Protein backbone atom coordinates (compact mmCIF):
# COMPACT_ATOMS: atom_id res chain seq x y z
CA UNK A 1 173.95 144.66 144.79
CA UNK A 2 172.66 142.12 142.30
CA UNK A 3 170.38 139.30 143.42
CA UNK A 4 168.09 136.88 141.67
CA UNK A 5 164.32 137.08 141.67
CA UNK A 6 162.53 133.88 142.65
CA UNK A 7 158.97 132.66 142.52
CA UNK A 8 157.05 131.13 145.42
CA UNK A 9 157.87 127.74 143.86
CA UNK A 10 161.60 128.51 144.26
CA UNK A 11 162.23 128.98 140.53
CA UNK A 12 164.37 131.74 139.06
CA UNK A 13 162.40 134.58 137.47
CA UNK A 14 165.18 137.02 136.63
CA UNK A 15 167.61 139.36 138.39
CA UNK A 16 167.32 142.64 140.24
CA UNK A 17 169.80 145.17 141.58
CA UNK A 18 169.13 146.20 145.17
CA UNK A 19 169.90 149.93 145.59
CA UNK A 20 173.14 150.44 147.50
CA UNK A 21 171.72 153.59 149.11
CA UNK A 22 169.29 151.37 151.05
CA UNK A 23 170.82 147.89 151.23
CA UNK A 24 174.49 148.89 151.32
CA UNK A 25 174.59 151.46 154.13
CA UNK A 26 176.75 151.38 157.24
CA UNK A 27 175.27 148.96 159.77
CA UNK A 28 174.74 151.34 162.69
CA UNK A 29 173.76 149.07 165.58
CA UNK A 30 173.27 152.12 167.79
CA UNK A 31 170.62 153.52 165.45
CA UNK A 32 168.90 150.14 165.16
CA UNK A 33 168.78 149.92 168.97
CA UNK A 34 167.41 153.47 169.28
CA UNK A 35 164.60 152.80 166.81
CA UNK A 36 163.71 149.43 168.36
CA UNK A 37 163.56 150.97 171.85
CA UNK A 38 161.39 153.79 170.48
CA UNK A 39 158.99 151.32 168.84
CA UNK A 40 158.70 149.16 171.96
CA UNK A 41 158.13 152.23 174.14
CA UNK A 42 155.26 153.33 171.87
CA UNK A 43 153.70 149.86 172.09
CA UNK A 44 153.56 149.87 175.90
CA UNK A 45 149.98 150.08 177.15
CA UNK A 46 150.83 152.21 180.17
CA UNK A 47 147.67 151.08 181.97
CA UNK A 48 149.26 150.13 185.34
CA UNK A 49 147.30 151.97 188.00
CA UNK A 50 147.14 152.16 191.79
CA UNK A 51 144.70 154.01 194.05
CA UNK A 52 145.71 157.19 195.79
CA UNK A 53 144.01 158.13 199.05
CA UNK A 54 141.32 160.16 197.27
CA UNK A 55 140.46 157.13 195.11
CA UNK A 56 139.94 154.68 197.97
CA UNK A 57 136.33 154.21 199.02
CA UNK A 58 135.56 154.42 202.73
CA UNK A 59 134.99 156.77 205.62
CA UNK A 60 137.27 159.65 206.42
CA UNK A 61 136.69 159.46 210.17
CA UNK A 62 139.37 158.41 212.61
CA UNK A 63 139.37 154.62 213.18
CA UNK A 64 139.58 155.12 216.97
CA UNK A 65 140.16 157.86 219.50
CA UNK A 66 143.38 159.84 219.40
CA UNK A 67 144.21 159.12 223.06
CA UNK A 68 143.60 156.50 225.67
CA UNK A 69 143.91 153.31 223.57
CA UNK A 70 147.65 152.71 223.93
CA UNK A 71 147.92 152.41 220.16
CA UNK A 72 149.65 154.66 217.66
CA UNK A 73 147.39 157.46 216.52
CA UNK A 74 145.64 156.99 213.16
CA UNK A 75 143.97 159.61 211.04
CA UNK A 76 142.03 157.60 208.44
CA UNK A 77 141.09 154.05 207.49
CA UNK A 78 142.12 154.95 203.94
CA UNK A 79 145.74 155.67 204.86
CA UNK A 80 148.52 153.64 203.19
CA UNK A 81 149.42 151.76 206.40
CA UNK A 82 145.87 150.39 206.79
CA UNK A 83 144.66 147.19 205.17
CA UNK A 84 142.83 148.11 201.95
CA UNK A 85 144.21 151.62 202.10
CA UNK A 86 145.93 153.75 199.48
CA UNK A 87 149.22 153.09 197.72
CA UNK A 88 151.88 155.75 197.95
CA UNK A 89 153.92 156.72 194.89
CA UNK A 90 152.52 153.78 192.88
CA UNK A 91 152.25 153.71 189.08
CA UNK A 92 149.51 155.66 187.30
CA UNK A 93 148.33 155.45 183.66
CA UNK A 94 150.87 157.14 181.40
CA UNK A 95 152.12 157.28 177.84
CA UNK A 96 155.62 155.81 177.50
CA UNK A 97 156.06 157.09 173.93
CA UNK A 98 158.54 159.78 173.05
CA UNK A 99 159.61 161.65 169.95
CA UNK A 100 162.39 160.37 167.69
CA UNK A 101 163.70 162.39 164.77
CA UNK A 102 162.56 161.25 161.34
CA UNK A 103 166.17 161.24 160.14
CA UNK A 104 167.11 158.73 162.84
CA UNK A 105 164.11 156.52 162.01
CA UNK A 106 165.00 156.50 158.31
CA UNK A 107 168.68 155.74 158.95
CA UNK A 108 167.71 153.01 161.41
CA UNK A 109 165.48 151.35 158.79
CA UNK A 110 168.26 151.55 156.20
CA UNK A 111 170.71 150.04 158.70
CA UNK A 112 168.32 147.15 159.42
CA UNK A 113 167.83 146.44 155.70
CA UNK A 114 171.59 146.64 155.12
CA UNK A 115 172.23 144.26 158.02
CA UNK A 116 169.95 141.63 156.47
CA UNK A 117 171.55 142.14 153.05
CA UNK A 118 175.05 141.77 154.54
CA UNK A 119 174.01 138.48 156.15
CA UNK A 120 172.63 137.25 152.78
CA UNK A 121 169.21 136.97 154.34
CA UNK A 122 167.23 139.00 151.82
CA UNK A 123 165.12 137.12 149.27
CA UNK A 124 163.30 138.86 146.42
CA UNK A 125 160.16 137.21 145.01
CA UNK A 126 158.43 138.17 141.79
CA UNK A 127 155.16 138.59 143.71
CA UNK A 128 153.16 136.95 146.48
CA UNK A 129 150.24 135.89 144.29
CA UNK A 130 149.18 132.33 145.03
CA UNK A 131 146.33 129.94 144.35
CA UNK A 132 147.27 127.83 147.37
CA UNK A 133 145.19 129.33 150.16
CA UNK A 134 145.61 126.32 152.44
CA UNK A 135 148.19 126.73 155.18
CA UNK A 136 149.55 123.24 154.52
CA UNK A 137 150.29 124.05 150.87
CA UNK A 138 151.90 127.37 151.73
CA UNK A 139 154.04 125.74 154.44
CA UNK A 140 155.36 123.33 151.79
CA UNK A 141 156.25 126.24 149.48
CA UNK A 142 158.08 128.06 152.26
CA UNK A 143 159.95 124.88 153.18
CA UNK A 144 161.29 124.75 149.59
CA UNK A 145 162.56 128.30 150.05
CA UNK A 146 164.14 127.29 153.37
CA UNK A 147 162.06 129.76 155.40
CA UNK A 148 161.27 129.08 159.06
CA UNK A 149 161.26 132.65 160.39
CA UNK A 150 160.54 135.32 157.80
CA UNK A 151 159.00 138.75 157.33
CA UNK A 152 157.31 139.24 153.94
CA UNK A 153 157.04 142.82 152.71
CA UNK A 154 154.77 143.48 149.73
CA UNK A 155 153.81 146.65 147.83
CA UNK A 156 150.90 148.87 148.82
CA UNK A 157 148.45 145.99 149.13
CA UNK A 158 149.05 142.44 150.34
CA UNK A 159 147.40 139.58 148.44
CA UNK A 160 144.35 138.41 150.41
CA UNK A 161 144.94 134.76 149.45
CA UNK A 162 148.57 134.96 150.57
CA UNK A 163 147.57 136.60 153.84
CA UNK A 164 145.01 133.83 154.47
CA UNK A 165 147.52 131.10 153.65
CA UNK A 166 150.21 132.27 156.08
CA UNK A 167 147.97 133.55 158.88
CA UNK A 168 148.44 130.42 161.02
CA UNK A 169 152.15 129.89 160.38
CA UNK A 170 154.43 130.55 163.34
CA UNK A 171 157.21 133.13 162.90
CA UNK A 172 155.89 134.12 159.44
CA UNK A 173 154.47 137.63 159.07
CA UNK A 174 153.56 139.92 156.19
CA UNK A 175 153.39 143.72 155.96
CA UNK A 176 152.77 146.30 153.24
CA UNK A 177 155.74 148.53 152.38
CA UNK A 178 154.31 151.39 154.45
CA UNK A 179 154.39 149.16 157.53
CA UNK A 180 158.03 148.08 157.14
CA UNK A 181 159.79 148.73 160.44
CA UNK A 182 163.08 147.99 162.18
CA UNK A 183 161.67 145.86 165.02
CA UNK A 184 159.86 143.37 162.78
CA UNK A 185 162.77 143.16 160.35
CA UNK A 186 165.29 142.38 163.10
CA UNK A 187 163.15 139.86 164.98
CA UNK A 188 162.75 137.63 161.93
CA UNK A 189 165.60 135.59 160.51
CA UNK A 190 164.93 136.28 156.82
CA UNK A 191 163.52 139.28 154.97
CA UNK A 192 161.42 138.45 151.90
CA UNK A 193 160.58 141.30 149.53
CA UNK A 194 158.34 141.38 146.51
CA UNK A 195 159.62 143.11 143.39
CA UNK A 196 157.07 145.84 144.03
CA UNK A 197 158.29 146.25 147.63
CA UNK A 198 161.85 146.95 146.47
CA UNK A 199 160.60 149.76 144.23
CA UNK A 200 158.35 151.20 146.96
CA UNK A 201 161.13 151.07 149.56
CA UNK A 202 163.49 152.85 147.19
CA UNK A 203 160.90 155.60 146.64
CA UNK A 204 160.13 155.84 150.37
CA UNK A 205 163.74 155.99 151.58
CA UNK A 206 165.34 157.88 148.71
C-alpha cells in the first residue's frame, strides 16, 4: 500500500509502502471490540467499597431488650437495617483486569491499523521534529494537515518540543511506538505515523 510522506508543513517528502501484513489485514471488528474491552477493564480503578458489619464502628450490644417493648427484636446497632449500619453484598475493592492472549492482542492491533488504512485516515510524516513549541503555531500546522482529532505515533522517543507544542490541544495525542494500542487508535479520527514509527511497528508486529 503506497502512500506519500509529508512534512509538518504539509509538503511532500517522498513515498513509502505500508506493509500489507499490518495495514492490509482483515478488519475483524470482533477482535477490535475484545481488545478495547480488555483495555478498559484494566483501566478500571476498582476502588468502590462498602462497609461490612465487622467494619462498622459502634457497640455490639443489643439496642434494647429482646422482650417487652412491642418492637421487633434487634441484635446490633451495626446491622444493615439500622441507620449507619452495614451494607450487605455491596461492592468491595477488586481488580477488573483479566488475561487476553497475546495473539488476540496483536491481531486486534493489526485490525485497528488496517481499519484506519481502509478509511484513508493514515498519514505518514517524515518526522515530528519542530521548532514551533508554541501551541498556537502547532495548531496552525495541524490545521493545514486537516487534523482535528488525531493520534500521533512516533518511534522509540517522542520529540520533547513536539510534545510541549501539542500538550494543550484537544483531541490530539502522541505516543511512542511501544505504547500504540487499539483503544487510542480507534477513538481518534486520524492516525499519524512518523517514518520511524512505520518501521518500528513492522518490526513489532512481524
